[in-house]
Amino acid sequence: MNPQRLNQNLPCRRPVGRRLLTLAVALLAAPSLAMAWQGQEAFAPETTPLSQEERIPAGQLPSEADVLQSSELDGSTITINFVGTDIRDVSRFFSQVTGLNVVVDPDLSGPVTVRLFEIPWDIAFESILRSHRYGYEVDRNIVRVASLSTLAAEAEDRAILALNQELATPLETTAIRLSYADAIALSPVVEPQLSQRGEVIVDERTNSLIIKDTPGALNEINTLIEALDIAAPQVLIESRIVETTKNFSRSLGVQWGFGAVADAAHGNSTGLVFPNDFSVVGNNNAQGGTQAAGIGGVPFAVNLPANNPTSGVALTMGSILDTFRLDVALSAMEEEGRGKIISSPKVTAQDNVPASIESGRRIPVQTLIDNTASITFINANLQLDVTPQITAEGTVMLDIVVDKSEPDFGNAVLGIPTIFTRRAETKLLVRDGGTTVIGGIFQMSATEEEQRVPFLHRVPLVGNLFKSKDTEQSNNELLIFITPRILEQ
């Protein structure tokens, strides 16, 4: 027996609160408990028996539920000392002290010798019964004490009687039409509640359960079906896929060339017999084999222009007789771009029911197997798959898959584009109306490129005239948000 159960089963209608109840019972070789009660020294002053006014009035006896749930004596303790006292007298003692209706079985007998200090009375009572292999049962407002074998035999007899009564009870048939639940899905839940003679049939056409059983079993099954056949709550799931891009590129280029001449025609010969005159020019071929020259017509010695320049400046300088000429051209390009794409699929689903929504393309792919051509389709679309579960606290458990795939025709293979996929699959808990990030991807790429003249680009300061520089940076960020909202019925 559970001490806590006994404490709940055996209430006292006398409000004793949390005060200490001390009972000193000294029964040394006393023939009966009644003899000991005659002496005032057997009880502490505060443990006088219950008065007639304190006991339960006639006609106001508590129900069995009151007896089982009462806990008015929690915390009260007693000190007892029984020596050779008959267990029947001990039971009457507890009845007198607590005011309980205690009925003792006629076969109950045996001496009790026990000494307990400051122990709850209900634990003391149960310990004494258990040590003699006795037990108790509650029948409405009466506590009946008997041997364990007697109680077990009576319980078995009651079970046999209930079974015989059930077998003798006429069966009734009822048809229950379901409004929200599925009859096929609910049938396995109803079957364990049937009696031995009961049966259930599913009518799919009307979504009904046809049940044949005893009236008592039908009442319990009807109560169960009423609790289960309710409208399932719905959840609106909104997903937002935010993509941001940022691109930056810069290109700086330089071009310059020179030409010099010394001859008699220009009046600046060398004065030597050999070489009496000379000329020198920078020379470089542009891409495609076309010679590159400045606005003065002097070919460029260093030809490192910017890629796709958007601005530039050119300068040409020459002497009076044009015996020396210098052409310089500077070009530059800078580009910056920003982009933002927001995709927002939404779907409404019932509690614990999967839902899906998709929008996009299906790309045909031809395959050849055993000289037989067949076409299959590959999805490249925006898709949201989710199964919501509403918890008892009002939050939403989501089993969710978000997929955004796009065809990349710039990287096609045999005419079939590759698929650029962004996908998140997870299970998470979100409050009603709350928003959370279920995933994100951040990509950054940076590229720097230099074109230069060997060795000369290393010369401090002057080396910048022998090289060009290209810089590119790219940032891509993907964030996936999810927001569930429980819809009111």
Protein backbone atom coordinates (compact mmCIF):
# COMPACT_ATOMS: atom_id res chain seq x y z
CA MET A 1 0.00 0.00 0.00
CA ASN A 2 1.18 3.49 -0.75
CA PRO A 3 1.42 5.67 2.40
CA GLN A 4 0.46 8.74 0.39
CA ARG A 5 -2.66 6.97 -0.93
CA LEU A 6 -3.71 5.96 2.54
CA ASN A 7 -3.17 9.51 3.70
CA GLN A 8 -5.60 10.62 1.02
CA ASN A 9 -8.03 7.76 1.61
CA LEU A 10 -8.52 8.26 5.36
CA PRO A 11 -9.62 11.81 6.09
CA CYS A 12 -10.66 13.30 9.39
CA ARG A 13 -13.35 15.95 9.49
CA ARG A 14 -11.72 17.53 12.54
CA PRO A 15 -9.54 20.48 11.44
CA VAL A 16 -6.24 19.86 13.20
CA GLY A 17 -4.04 21.90 10.80
CA ARG A 18 -0.31 21.35 11.15
CA ARG A 19 -0.17 21.06 14.94
CA LEU A 20 1.50 18.10 16.54
CA LEU A 21 -0.89 15.36 17.59
CA THR A 22 0.71 13.27 20.30
CA LEU A 23 -1.00 10.21 21.63
CA ALA A 24 0.69 8.27 24.35
CA VAL A 25 -0.98 4.89 24.63
CA ALA A 26 0.49 2.67 27.26
CA LEU A 27 -1.22 -0.68 27.22
CA LEU A 28 0.89 -3.01 29.25
CA ALA A 29 -0.85 -6.42 29.32
CA ALA A 30 -4.22 -4.67 29.11
CA PRO A 31 -7.00 -7.09 28.18
CA SER A 32 -8.64 -4.55 25.88
CA LEU A 33 -8.16 -1.07 24.63
CA ALA A 34 -11.34 0.06 26.29
CA MET A 35 -9.79 -0.48 29.72
CA ALA A 36 -6.88 1.77 28.84
CA TRP A 37 -9.18 4.51 27.60
CA GLN A 38 -10.70 4.76 31.07
CA GLY A 39 -7.44 6.25 32.39
CA GLN A 40 -6.97 9.97 31.57
CA GLU A 41 -3.18 9.51 31.56
CA ALA A 42 -3.31 7.44 28.36
CA PHE A 43 -3.85 10.54 26.18
CA ALA A 44 -2.17 13.91 25.92
CA PRO A 45 -4.44 16.84 26.88
CA GLU A 46 -4.99 18.01 23.31
CA THR A 47 -6.06 14.58 22.03
CA THR A 48 -9.52 14.40 23.53
CA PRO A 49 -11.99 12.36 21.44
CA LEU A 50 -14.09 14.15 18.88
CA SER A 51 -17.28 15.75 20.12
CA GLN A 52 -20.64 15.04 18.58
CA GLU A 53 -20.62 18.48 16.95
CA GLU A 54 -17.19 17.87 15.36
CA ARG A 55 -18.22 14.61 13.76
CA ILE A 56 -20.00 14.37 10.44
CA PRO A 57 -23.72 15.09 10.88
CA ALA A 58 -26.21 12.44 9.88
CA GLY A 59 -27.36 12.76 6.31
CA GLN A 60 -24.20 14.65 5.32
CA LEU A 61 -21.80 11.76 4.93
CA PRO A 62 -18.99 12.33 2.41
CA SER A 63 -18.92 10.54 -0.90
CA GLU A 64 -16.32 7.99 -1.87
CA ALA A 65 -14.55 10.67 -3.93
CA ASP A 66 -14.31 12.89 -0.85
CA VAL A 67 -12.77 10.04 1.13
CA LEU A 68 -10.25 9.28 -1.59
CA GLN A 69 -9.19 12.91 -2.11
CA SER A 70 -9.23 14.23 1.44
CA SER A 71 -5.88 15.20 2.99
CA GLU A 72 -6.88 17.16 6.07
CA LEU A 73 -4.51 15.32 8.41
CA ASP A 74 -1.38 15.88 6.34
CA GLY A 75 1.48 16.68 8.67
CA SER A 76 -0.21 15.49 11.90
CA THR A 77 1.88 13.06 13.93
CA ILE A 78 1.24 10.72 16.85
CA THR A 79 3.30 8.77 19.34
CA ILE A 80 1.86 5.34 20.24
CA ASN A 81 2.91 2.37 22.33
CA PHE A 82 0.91 -0.87 21.99
CA VAL A 83 1.93 -3.99 23.89
CA GLY A 84 0.02 -7.19 23.08
CA THR A 85 -3.09 -5.25 22.05
CA ASP A 86 -5.58 -7.01 19.80
CA ILE A 87 -5.59 -5.57 16.30
CA ARG A 88 -9.36 -5.16 16.41
CA ASP A 89 -8.96 -2.83 19.39
CA VAL A 90 -6.17 -0.97 17.58
CA SER A 91 -8.49 -0.39 14.62
CA ARG A 92 -11.20 0.93 16.92
CA PHE A 93 -8.60 3.17 18.54
CA PHE A 94 -7.77 4.81 15.20
CA SER A 95 -11.49 5.15 14.46
CA GLN A 96 -12.07 6.90 17.80
CA VAL A 97 -9.11 9.26 17.42
CA THR A 98 -9.69 10.24 13.79
CA GLY A 99 -13.46 10.08 13.64
CA LEU A 100 -13.39 7.71 10.67
CA ASN A 101 -15.96 4.98 10.00
CA VAL A 102 -13.77 1.88 10.32
CA VAL A 103 -15.35 -1.57 9.87
CA VAL A 104 -13.26 -4.54 10.97
CA ASP A 105 -13.65 -7.97 9.33
CA PRO A 106 -14.81 -10.68 11.79
CA ASP A 107 -11.75 -12.82 11.01
CA LEU A 108 -9.38 -10.02 12.02
CA SER A 109 -7.32 -11.04 15.08
CA GLY A 110 -3.83 -11.01 16.47
CA PRO A 111 -1.80 -9.10 19.06
CA VAL A 112 -0.07 -5.84 18.17
CA THR A 113 3.13 -4.76 19.87
CA VAL A 114 4.55 -1.58 18.45
CA ARG A 115 6.16 1.65 19.61
CA LEU A 116 6.18 4.61 17.20
CA PHE A 117 7.35 8.17 17.82
CA GLU A 118 5.95 11.25 16.10
CA ILE A 119 4.76 9.54 12.94
CA PRO A 120 1.74 10.45 10.78
CA TRP A 121 -1.24 8.46 11.97
CA ASP A 122 -2.08 7.15 8.49
CA ILE A 123 1.42 5.71 8.02
CA ALA A 124 1.25 4.15 11.47
CA PHE A 125 -2.14 2.58 10.70
CA GLU A 126 -1.00 1.16 7.38
CA SER A 127 2.28 -0.17 8.84
CA ILE A 128 0.40 -2.04 11.56
CA LEU A 129 -1.98 -3.59 9.03
CA ARG A 130 0.79 -4.53 6.63
CA SER A 131 2.88 -6.20 9.34
CA HIS A 132 -0.07 -8.56 9.96
CA ARG A 133 -0.83 -9.06 6.24
CA TYR A 134 -4.03 -7.06 6.45
CA GLY A 135 -5.27 -4.36 4.14
CA TYR A 136 -8.12 -1.95 3.63
CA GLU A 137 -10.60 -0.79 1.02
CA VAL A 138 -12.75 2.31 0.74
CA ASP A 139 -16.47 1.88 0.10
CA ARG A 140 -18.02 5.35 -0.17
CA ASN A 141 -17.38 6.83 3.32
CA ILE A 142 -16.44 3.59 5.09
CA VAL A 143 -12.95 2.16 5.52
CA ARG A 144 -13.11 -1.61 5.74
CA VAL A 145 -10.18 -3.58 7.20
CA ALA A 146 -9.68 -7.25 6.25
CA SER A 147 -6.96 -9.72 5.37
CA LEU A 148 -5.22 -9.36 2.03
CA SER A 149 -6.46 -12.77 0.90
CA THR A 150 -10.05 -11.81 1.70
CA LEU A 151 -9.78 -8.53 -0.16
CA ALA A 152 -8.19 -10.27 -3.16
CA ALA A 153 -10.89 -12.94 -3.24
CA GLU A 154 -13.65 -10.33 -3.05
CA ALA A 155 -12.04 -8.33 -5.85
CA GLU A 156 -11.93 -11.46 -8.01
CA ASP A 157 -15.56 -12.25 -7.24
CA ARG A 158 -16.58 -8.71 -8.18
CA ALA A 159 -14.67 -8.99 -11.46
CA ILE A 160 -16.39 -12.30 -12.29
CA LEU A 161 -19.78 -10.83 -11.39
CA ALA A 162 -19.15 -7.77 -13.58
CA LEU A 163 -18.10 -10.02 -16.45
CA ASN A 164 -21.21 -12.18 -16.11
CA GLN A 165 -23.41 -9.09 -15.97
CA GLU A 166 -21.71 -7.75 -19.08
CA LEU A 167 -22.22 -11.03 -20.92
CA ALA A 168 -25.89 -11.03 -19.94
CA THR A 169 -26.46 -7.40 -20.97
CA PRO A 170 -28.25 -7.01 -24.36
CA LEU A 171 -26.17 -5.35 -27.07
CA GLU A 172 -27.13 -2.08 -28.73
CA THR A 173 -26.13 -0.73 -32.14
CA THR A 174 -25.45 2.90 -32.93
CA ALA A 175 -24.12 4.77 -35.96
CA ILE A 176 -21.87 7.75 -35.27
CA ARG A 177 -21.26 10.07 -38.20
CA LEU A 178 -17.96 11.90 -37.89
CA SER A 179 -17.64 15.56 -38.80
CA TYR A 180 -13.88 16.19 -38.75
CA ALA A 181 -12.08 12.92 -38.02
CA ASP A 182 -11.54 10.21 -40.62
CA ALA A 183 -13.52 7.06 -39.82
CA ILE A 184 -10.79 4.73 -41.09
CA ALA A 185 -8.14 6.48 -39.00
CA LEU A 186 -10.34 6.59 -35.88
CA SER A 187 -11.42 2.94 -36.00
CA PRO A 188 -8.14 1.54 -34.52
CA VAL A 189 -8.53 3.97 -31.60
CA VAL A 190 -12.10 2.80 -30.86
CA GLU A 191 -11.46 -0.95 -31.09
CA PRO A 192 -9.48 -1.29 -27.82
CA GLN A 193 -12.40 0.34 -25.98
CA LEU A 194 -14.88 -2.35 -27.04
CA SER A 195 -16.04 -5.08 -24.71
CA GLN A 196 -15.49 -8.75 -25.51
CA ARG A 197 -18.73 -8.87 -27.49
CA GLY A 198 -18.41 -5.47 -29.17
CA GLU A 199 -17.53 -4.73 -32.79
CA VAL A 200 -17.05 -1.68 -35.00
CA ILE A 201 -17.66 -1.28 -38.75
CA VAL A 202 -16.46 1.63 -40.90
CA ASP A 203 -18.81 3.14 -43.48
CA GLU A 204 -16.52 5.09 -45.82
CA ARG A 205 -19.38 6.58 -47.87
CA THR A 206 -20.83 8.53 -44.95
CA ASN A 207 -17.59 8.66 -42.90
CA SER A 208 -19.38 6.90 -40.04
CA LEU A 209 -18.60 4.30 -37.37
CA ILE A 210 -21.22 1.62 -36.77
CA ILE A 211 -20.67 0.29 -33.24
CA LYS A 212 -22.42 -2.66 -31.55
CA ASP A 213 -21.77 -3.10 -27.84
CA THR A 214 -23.25 -2.90 -24.33
CA PRO A 215 -24.83 0.39 -23.21
CA GLY A 216 -22.04 1.09 -20.75
CA ALA A 217 -19.32 0.58 -23.34
CA LEU A 218 -21.23 2.69 -25.87
CA ASN A 219 -21.38 5.59 -23.43
CA GLU A 220 -17.61 5.51 -22.91
CA ILE A 221 -16.96 5.21 -26.66
CA ASN A 222 -19.29 8.14 -27.41
CA THR A 223 -17.42 10.26 -24.90
CA LEU A 224 -14.10 9.30 -26.52
CA ILE A 225 -15.34 10.07 -30.04
CA GLU A 226 -16.71 13.46 -28.96
CA ALA A 227 -13.28 14.35 -27.61
CA LEU A 228 -11.49 13.27 -30.81
CA ASP A 229 -13.95 14.38 -33.50
CA ILE A 230 -13.06 18.06 -33.36
CA ALA A 231 -11.92 20.55 -35.97
CA ALA A 232 -8.15 20.51 -36.34
CA PRO A 233 -6.54 23.95 -35.97
CA GLN A 234 -4.85 25.44 -39.02
CA VAL A 235 -1.52 27.20 -39.41
CA LEU A 236 -0.49 29.75 -42.03
CA ILE A 237 3.20 29.34 -42.82
CA GLU A 238 4.99 32.17 -44.60
CA SER A 239 8.53 31.77 -45.84
CA ARG A 240 10.70 34.60 -47.15
CA ILE A 241 13.86 34.00 -49.14
CA VAL A 242 15.97 37.16 -49.33
CA GLU A 243 18.94 37.30 -51.72
CA THR A 244 21.27 40.29 -51.85
CA THR A 245 24.21 40.80 -54.20
CA LYS A 246 26.93 43.45 -54.29
CA ASN A 247 29.53 43.70 -57.07
CA PHE A 248 32.46 46.10 -57.40
CA SER A 249 35.17 46.27 -60.04
CA ARG A 250 37.93 48.76 -60.80
CA SER A 251 40.55 48.87 -63.58
CA LEU A 252 43.46 51.32 -63.95
CA GLY A 253 45.64 51.35 -67.09
CA VAL A 254 48.57 53.26 -68.53
CA GLN A 255 49.90 53.65 -72.08
CA TRP A 256 52.89 55.65 -73.18
CA GLY A 257 55.38 55.75 -76.04
CA PHE A 258 58.18 57.96 -77.32
CA GLY A 259 60.08 58.77 -80.52
CA ALA A 260 63.40 60.56 -81.11
CA VAL A 261 65.34 61.40 -84.27
CA ALA A 262 68.77 62.90 -84.92
CA ASP A 263 69.72 63.64 -88.57
CA ALA A 264 70.91 66.44 -90.81
CA ALA A 265 67.39 67.22 -91.99
CA HIS A 266 66.43 68.24 -88.48
CA GLY A 267 69.74 69.99 -87.86
CA ASN A 268 70.75 67.74 -85.00
CA SER A 269 73.07 65.16 -86.51
CA THR A 270 75.47 63.42 -84.25
CA GLY A 271 78.51 65.01 -85.88
CA LEU A 272 79.99 61.59 -86.37
CA VAL A 273 80.77 59.86 -89.58
CA PHE A 274 78.95 56.79 -88.26
CA PRO A 275 76.36 56.88 -87.05
CA ASN A 276 75.64 60.34 -88.40
CA ASP A 277 71.90 60.06 -87.70
CA PHE A 278 69.48 57.73 -85.78
CA SER A 279 65.84 57.38 -84.72
CA VAL A 280 64.21 55.44 -81.88
CA VAL A 281 60.56 54.81 -81.10
CA GLY A 282 58.59 52.71 -78.60
CA ASN A 283 56.80 49.83 -80.28
CA ASN A 284 54.07 47.51 -79.02
CA ASN A 285 51.26 45.64 -80.73
CA ALA A 286 47.76 45.81 -79.38
CA GLN A 287 45.56 42.71 -79.08
CA GLY A 288 44.66 41.38 -82.49
CA GLY A 289 48.00 42.43 -83.99
CA THR A 290 47.03 46.08 -84.54
CA GLN A 291 49.77 48.49 -83.68
CA ALA A 292 48.87 50.88 -80.90
CA ALA A 293 49.93 54.52 -81.14
CA GLY A 294 49.24 57.73 -79.28
CA ILE A 295 47.47 60.81 -80.64
CA GLY A 296 50.86 62.05 -81.86
CA GLY A 297 51.30 58.92 -83.91
CA VAL A 298 54.08 57.52 -81.74
CA PRO A 299 53.69 53.82 -81.07
CA PHE A 300 53.19 52.90 -77.41
CA ALA A 301 56.15 51.24 -75.74
CA VAL A 302 53.97 50.27 -72.73
CA ASN A 303 50.43 49.33 -73.74
CA LEU A 304 48.47 48.35 -70.58
CA PRO A 305 45.05 49.97 -70.93
CA ALA A 306 42.14 49.44 -68.50
CA ASN A 307 39.57 46.76 -69.30
CA ASN A 308 36.51 48.34 -70.90
CA PRO A 309 37.53 51.84 -69.75
CA THR A 310 34.83 54.38 -68.99
CA SER A 311 37.23 57.36 -68.75
CA GLY A 312 40.71 58.31 -69.98
CA VAL A 313 43.09 61.14 -70.73
CA ALA A 314 45.84 61.31 -73.40
CA LEU A 315 48.82 63.66 -73.65
CA THR A 316 51.39 64.15 -76.42
CA MET A 317 54.52 66.32 -76.16
CA GLY A 318 57.22 67.08 -78.73
CA SER A 319 60.25 69.33 -79.31
CA ILE A 320 60.28 72.33 -81.63
CA LEU A 321 61.70 70.42 -84.56
CA ASP A 322 59.76 67.34 -83.48
CA THR A 323 63.02 65.50 -82.88
CA PHE A 324 61.59 64.02 -79.68
CA ARG A 325 57.97 63.11 -78.96
CA LEU A 326 56.25 61.56 -75.93
CA ASP A 327 52.69 60.18 -75.97
CA VAL A 328 50.96 59.23 -72.66
CA ALA A 329 47.41 57.86 -72.15
CA LEU A 330 45.75 57.03 -68.80
CA SER A 331 42.47 55.05 -68.68
CA ALA A 332 40.24 53.94 -65.81
CA MET A 333 37.05 52.04 -65.15
CA GLU A 334 35.02 51.58 -61.94
CA GLU A 335 31.72 49.74 -61.61
CA GLU A 336 29.47 48.96 -58.62
CA GLY A 337 26.17 47.07 -58.55
CA ARG A 338 23.62 46.09 -55.89
CA GLY A 339 20.69 43.71 -56.15
CA LYS A 340 17.95 42.28 -53.92
CA ILE A 341 15.50 39.46 -54.63
CA ILE A 342 12.68 38.48 -52.25
CA SER A 343 10.66 35.30 -52.71
CA SER A 344 7.73 34.72 -50.35
CA PRO A 345 5.88 31.40 -50.67
CA LYS A 346 2.91 30.88 -48.30
CA VAL A 347 0.82 27.83 -47.50
CA THR A 348 -1.93 26.97 -45.00
CA ALA A 349 -1.92 23.52 -43.39
CA GLN A 350 -3.90 21.65 -40.75
CA ASP A 351 -2.27 20.54 -37.55
CA ASN A 352 -0.03 17.49 -38.19
CA VAL A 353 -0.97 17.39 -41.90
CA PRO A 354 1.75 17.92 -44.57
CA ALA A 355 1.32 20.78 -47.06
CA SER A 356 3.30 21.82 -50.15
CA ILE A 357 3.41 24.68 -52.65
CA GLU A 358 5.73 25.18 -55.63
CA SER A 359 6.22 27.51 -58.60
CA GLY A 360 8.84 27.35 -61.34
CA ARG A 361 10.03 25.32 -64.30
CA ARG A 362 10.34 21.68 -65.22
CA ILE A 363 13.26 21.13 -67.57
CA PRO A 364 12.98 18.16 -69.98
CA VAL A 365 16.01 15.90 -70.18
CA GLN A 366 16.30 13.26 -72.87
CA THR A 367 17.98 9.98 -72.01
CA LEU A 368 18.84 7.06 -74.24
CA ILE A 369 18.69 3.56 -72.79
CA ASP A 370 18.96 0.45 -75.01
CA ASN A 371 18.41 2.58 -78.13
CA THR A 372 15.17 3.86 -76.59
CA ALA A 373 14.81 7.57 -76.00
CA SER A 374 12.88 8.78 -72.99
CA ILE A 375 12.28 12.18 -71.50
CA THR A 376 12.37 12.97 -67.82
CA PHE A 377 11.69 16.29 -66.17
CA ILE A 378 13.87 18.01 -63.59
CA ASN A 379 12.29 20.55 -61.28
CA ALA A 380 13.90 23.97 -61.11
CA ASN A 381 11.43 25.90 -59.00
CA LEU A 382 10.57 27.55 -55.71
CA GLN A 383 9.05 24.98 -53.32
CA LEU A 384 7.85 24.97 -49.71
CA ASP A 385 7.04 21.67 -47.91
CA VAL A 386 5.94 21.87 -44.28
CA THR A 387 4.20 19.83 -41.58
CA PRO A 388 3.08 21.96 -38.60
CA GLN A 389 2.36 20.69 -35.09
CA ILE A 390 0.67 22.94 -32.54
CA THR A 391 1.91 22.31 -29.00
CA ALA A 392 -0.08 22.59 -25.79
CA GLU A 393 1.73 25.86 -24.98
CA GLY A 394 0.52 27.48 -28.21
CA THR A 395 3.84 27.31 -30.04
CA VAL A 396 4.29 25.65 -33.44
CA MET A 397 6.66 22.79 -34.23
CA LEU A 398 7.61 22.86 -37.91
CA ASP A 399 9.09 20.12 -40.05
CA ILE A 400 10.01 22.25 -43.07
CA VAL A 401 11.82 22.10 -46.40
CA VAL A 402 12.46 25.28 -48.45
CA ASP A 403 13.98 24.82 -51.91
CA LYS A 404 14.79 27.48 -54.49
CA SER A 405 16.35 26.06 -57.66
CA GLU A 406 16.99 27.97 -60.88
CA PRO A 407 18.28 26.86 -64.29
CA ASP A 408 21.64 28.26 -65.33
CA PHE A 409 21.56 28.39 -69.13
CA GLY A 410 24.99 30.03 -69.17
CA ASN A 411 26.52 26.72 -68.04
CA ALA A 412 24.57 24.28 -70.21
CA VAL A 413 25.83 20.79 -70.99
CA LEU A 414 24.61 19.38 -74.32
CA GLY A 415 21.92 22.02 -74.29
CA ILE A 416 20.72 21.09 -70.79
CA PRO A 417 21.22 23.84 -68.20
CA THR A 418 22.74 23.16 -64.85
CA ILE A 419 20.58 23.70 -61.76
CA PHE A 420 21.58 26.34 -59.23
CA THR A 421 20.09 25.09 -55.93
CA ARG A 422 19.50 26.78 -52.57
CA ARG A 423 17.80 24.49 -50.08
CA ALA A 424 17.14 24.33 -46.33
CA GLU A 425 15.62 21.39 -44.44
CA THR A 426 15.12 21.52 -40.68
CA LYS A 427 12.79 20.99 -37.72
CA LEU A 428 12.28 23.87 -35.32
CA LEU A 429 9.99 25.36 -32.68
CA VAL A 430 8.55 28.86 -33.28
CA ARG A 431 6.07 30.86 -31.23
CA ASP A 432 2.76 31.83 -32.80
CA GLY A 433 3.33 34.86 -35.05
CA GLY A 434 7.07 34.85 -34.43
CA THR A 435 9.73 35.03 -37.13
CA THR A 436 12.98 33.11 -37.12
CA VAL A 437 15.87 32.58 -39.52
CA ILE A 438 16.14 28.93 -40.46
CA GLY A 439 19.27 29.28 -42.59
CA GLY A 440 21.61 31.60 -44.40
CA ILE A 441 24.51 31.51 -46.85
CA PHE A 442 27.11 34.26 -47.30
CA GLN A 443 29.59 34.17 -50.17
CA MET A 444 32.37 36.68 -50.84
CA SER A 445 34.90 36.60 -53.66
CA ALA A 446 37.75 39.07 -54.32
CA THR A 447 40.07 39.10 -57.32
CA GLU A 448 43.09 41.31 -58.05
CA GLU A 449 44.97 41.17 -61.34
CA GLU A 450 48.06 43.05 -62.53
CA GLN A 451 49.56 43.37 -65.99
CA ARG A 452 53.11 44.66 -65.94
CA VAL A 453 56.48 44.95 -67.64
CA PRO A 454 59.01 42.55 -66.15
CA PHE A 455 61.58 44.05 -63.81
CA LEU A 456 60.71 47.67 -64.59
CA HIS A 457 57.47 47.53 -62.55
CA ARG A 458 59.60 47.06 -59.42
CA VAL A 459 61.29 50.47 -59.71
CA PRO A 460 59.95 52.73 -56.92
CA LEU A 461 57.47 55.38 -58.08
CA VAL A 462 58.46 55.04 -61.74
CA GLY A 463 57.31 51.40 -61.62
CA ASN A 464 53.65 52.51 -61.77
CA LEU A 465 54.26 53.51 -65.40
CA PHE A 466 54.91 49.89 -66.24
CA LYS A 467 51.83 48.15 -64.85
CA SER A 468 48.03 48.18 -64.81
CA LYS A 469 45.75 46.87 -62.04
CA ASP A 470 42.27 45.27 -62.07
CA THR A 471 40.22 44.69 -58.88
CA GLU A 472 36.91 42.79 -58.58
CA GLN A 473 34.81 42.05 -55.48
CA SER A 474 31.52 40.14 -55.24
CA ASN A 475 29.27 39.54 -52.19
CA ASN A 476 26.23 37.23 -52.21
CA GLU A 477 24.00 36.67 -49.18
CA LEU A 478 21.00 34.37 -48.82
CA LEU A 479 18.67 34.38 -45.78
CA ILE A 480 15.56 32.22 -45.25
CA PHE A 481 12.90 33.43 -42.78
CA ILE A 482 9.86 31.48 -41.53
CA THR A 483 6.74 32.85 -39.78
CA PRO A 484 3.87 30.55 -38.59
CA ARG A 485 0.49 31.95 -37.54
CA ILE A 486 -2.24 29.87 -35.89
CA LEU A 487 -5.57 30.68 -37.53
CA GLU A 488 -8.61 31.13 -35.35
CA GLN A 489 -11.52 28.83 -36.14
